[in-house]
N, C-alpha and C. Protein backbone atom coordinates (compact mmCIF):
# COMPACT_ATOMS: atom_id res chain seq x y z
N UNK A 1 97.33 94.07 83.76
CA UNK A 1 97.90 95.51 84.04
C UNK A 1 98.12 95.36 85.65
N UNK A 2 99.35 95.58 86.13
CA UNK A 2 99.66 95.58 87.53
C UNK A 2 98.89 96.56 88.37
N UNK A 3 98.69 97.71 87.78
CA UNK A 3 97.97 98.83 88.64
C UNK A 3 96.64 98.30 89.10
N UNK A 4 95.91 97.56 88.26
CA UNK A 4 94.52 97.03 88.62
C UNK A 4 94.54 96.08 89.83
N UNK A 5 95.82 95.33 90.01
CA UNK A 5 95.79 94.28 91.06
C UNK A 5 96.37 94.93 92.45
N UNK A 6 96.85 96.31 92.39
CA UNK A 6 97.34 96.81 93.57
C UNK A 6 96.29 97.15 94.57
N UNK A 7 96.55 97.13 95.81
CA UNK A 7 95.49 97.41 96.96
C UNK A 7 95.31 98.84 97.21
N UNK A 8 95.21 99.72 96.08
CA UNK A 8 95.09 101.14 96.19
C UNK A 8 93.76 101.44 95.79
N UNK A 9 93.00 102.40 96.49
CA UNK A 9 91.71 102.64 95.98
C UNK A 9 91.65 103.57 94.76
N UNK A 10 92.69 104.43 94.59
CA UNK A 10 92.56 105.37 93.44
C UNK A 10 93.39 104.80 92.32
N UNK A 11 92.86 104.75 91.08
CA UNK A 11 93.59 104.16 90.07
C UNK A 11 94.83 105.01 89.57
N UNK A 12 94.66 106.25 89.62
CA UNK A 12 95.87 107.14 89.27
C UNK A 12 97.03 106.88 90.24
N UNK A 13 96.75 106.70 91.63
CA UNK A 13 97.85 106.51 92.53
C UNK A 13 98.31 105.04 92.17
N UNK A 14 97.56 104.17 91.87
CA UNK A 14 98.00 102.83 91.51
C UNK A 14 98.87 102.86 90.36
N UNK A 15 98.51 103.57 89.35
CA UNK A 15 99.41 103.65 88.18
C UNK A 15 100.71 104.23 88.65
N UNK A 16 100.78 105.19 89.37
CA UNK A 16 102.07 105.82 89.85
C UNK A 16 102.85 104.70 90.67
N UNK A 17 102.18 104.04 91.47
CA UNK A 17 102.85 102.94 92.25
C UNK A 17 103.38 101.92 91.33
N UNK A 18 102.70 101.43 90.24
CA UNK A 18 103.07 100.39 89.29
C UNK A 18 104.29 100.85 88.61
N UNK A 19 104.19 102.20 88.23
CA UNK A 19 105.44 102.84 87.51
C UNK A 19 106.73 102.83 88.35
N UNK A 20 106.44 103.19 89.66
CA UNK A 20 107.59 103.25 90.54
C UNK A 20 108.16 101.68 90.70
N UNK A 21 107.26 100.81 90.81
CA UNK A 21 107.75 99.29 90.89
C UNK A 21 108.54 98.96 89.64
N UNK A 22 108.02 99.36 88.47
CA UNK A 22 108.65 98.94 87.22
C UNK A 22 110.06 99.57 87.02
N UNK A 23 110.29 100.62 87.71
CA UNK A 23 111.51 101.22 87.50
C UNK A 23 112.51 101.11 88.77
N UNK A 24 112.00 100.18 89.64
CA UNK A 24 112.68 99.83 90.92
C UNK A 24 112.99 101.08 91.66
N UNK A 25 111.96 102.00 91.76
CA UNK A 25 112.22 103.21 92.53
C UNK A 25 112.26 102.84 94.08
N UNK A 26 112.96 103.54 94.85
CA UNK A 26 113.10 103.41 96.29
C UNK A 26 111.92 104.04 97.06
N UNK A 27 111.44 105.19 96.45
CA UNK A 27 110.40 105.98 97.21
C UNK A 27 109.51 106.67 96.21
N UNK A 28 108.30 106.85 96.71
CA UNK A 28 107.26 107.67 95.94
C UNK A 28 107.15 109.10 96.79
N UNK A 29 107.33 110.21 96.18
CA UNK A 29 107.24 111.49 96.87
C UNK A 29 105.86 112.02 96.53
N UNK A 30 105.04 112.28 97.64
CA UNK A 30 103.77 112.84 97.42
C UNK A 30 103.29 113.76 98.73
N UNK A 31 102.54 114.73 98.41
CA UNK A 31 102.04 115.43 99.53
C UNK A 31 100.78 114.76 100.28
N UNK A 32 100.43 113.76 99.58
CA UNK A 32 99.11 112.97 100.21
C UNK A 32 99.58 111.48 100.33
N UNK A 33 100.41 111.33 101.37
CA UNK A 33 100.93 109.94 101.62
C UNK A 33 99.89 108.93 102.03
N UNK A 34 98.82 109.44 102.57
CA UNK A 34 97.78 108.41 103.10
C UNK A 34 97.14 107.72 101.94
N UNK A 35 97.20 108.27 100.75
CA UNK A 35 96.62 107.52 99.57
C UNK A 35 97.54 106.34 99.18
N UNK A 36 98.78 106.27 99.73
CA UNK A 36 99.70 105.25 99.30
C UNK A 36 99.99 104.30 100.62
N UNK A 37 99.18 104.29 101.58
CA UNK A 37 99.47 103.51 102.74
C UNK A 37 99.45 102.01 102.50
N UNK A 38 98.87 101.53 101.50
CA UNK A 38 98.84 100.17 100.98
C UNK A 38 99.77 99.88 99.89
N UNK A 39 100.74 100.86 99.62
CA UNK A 39 101.74 100.79 98.50
C UNK A 39 102.91 99.82 98.82
N UNK A 40 103.42 99.19 97.89
CA UNK A 40 104.61 98.32 98.11
C UNK A 40 105.88 99.17 98.12
N UNK A 41 105.79 100.45 97.61
CA UNK A 41 106.96 101.41 97.64
C UNK A 41 106.74 102.38 98.86
N UNK A 42 107.80 102.67 99.56
CA UNK A 42 107.84 103.69 100.61
C UNK A 42 107.37 104.98 100.10
N UNK A 43 106.47 105.70 100.84
CA UNK A 43 105.98 107.00 100.44
C UNK A 43 106.35 108.09 101.40
N UNK A 44 106.87 109.11 101.00
CA UNK A 44 107.18 110.23 101.85
C UNK A 44 106.82 111.57 101.15
N UNK A 45 106.68 112.56 102.14
CA UNK A 45 106.35 113.96 101.67
C UNK A 45 107.55 114.61 101.21
N UNK A 46 107.40 115.59 100.29
CA UNK A 46 108.50 116.35 99.95
C UNK A 46 109.37 116.77 101.03
N UNK A 47 108.86 117.31 102.02
CA UNK A 47 109.61 117.75 103.30
C UNK A 47 110.44 116.66 103.93
N UNK A 48 109.79 115.47 104.09
CA UNK A 48 110.56 114.31 104.59
C UNK A 48 111.65 113.95 103.66
N UNK A 49 111.51 113.96 102.28
CA UNK A 49 112.57 113.59 101.46
C UNK A 49 113.80 114.57 101.65
N UNK A 50 113.43 115.83 101.74
CA UNK A 50 114.56 116.87 101.86
C UNK A 50 115.27 116.71 103.23
N UNK A 51 114.46 116.31 104.29
CA UNK A 51 115.20 116.10 105.47
C UNK A 51 116.10 114.81 105.48
N UNK A 52 115.62 113.71 104.77
CA UNK A 52 116.45 112.70 104.54
C UNK A 52 117.78 112.88 103.68
N UNK A 53 117.55 113.67 102.74
CA UNK A 53 118.66 114.03 101.86
C UNK A 53 119.62 114.90 102.51
N UNK A 54 119.15 115.75 103.38
CA UNK A 54 120.08 116.64 104.29
C UNK A 54 120.99 115.76 105.10
N UNK A 55 120.50 114.64 105.56
CA UNK A 55 121.16 113.83 106.61
C UNK A 55 122.20 113.04 105.75
N UNK A 56 122.21 112.90 104.38
CA UNK A 56 123.03 112.13 103.62
C UNK A 56 124.43 112.86 103.48
N UNK A 57 124.44 114.13 103.59
CA UNK A 57 125.76 114.95 103.23
C UNK A 57 126.57 114.96 104.25
């Protein structure tokens, strides 16, 4: 199981990261980005994502 091998301290966060990796996600959106600081997927807050999306239009 990939989630067990990830360098994340919380198993639920590791499961979310493994799921994001499995579907080739570009980003994980979370209000608690510090839990994902060792993630292989970039993590942003909902506010950061909205700001990025505003810049795309």
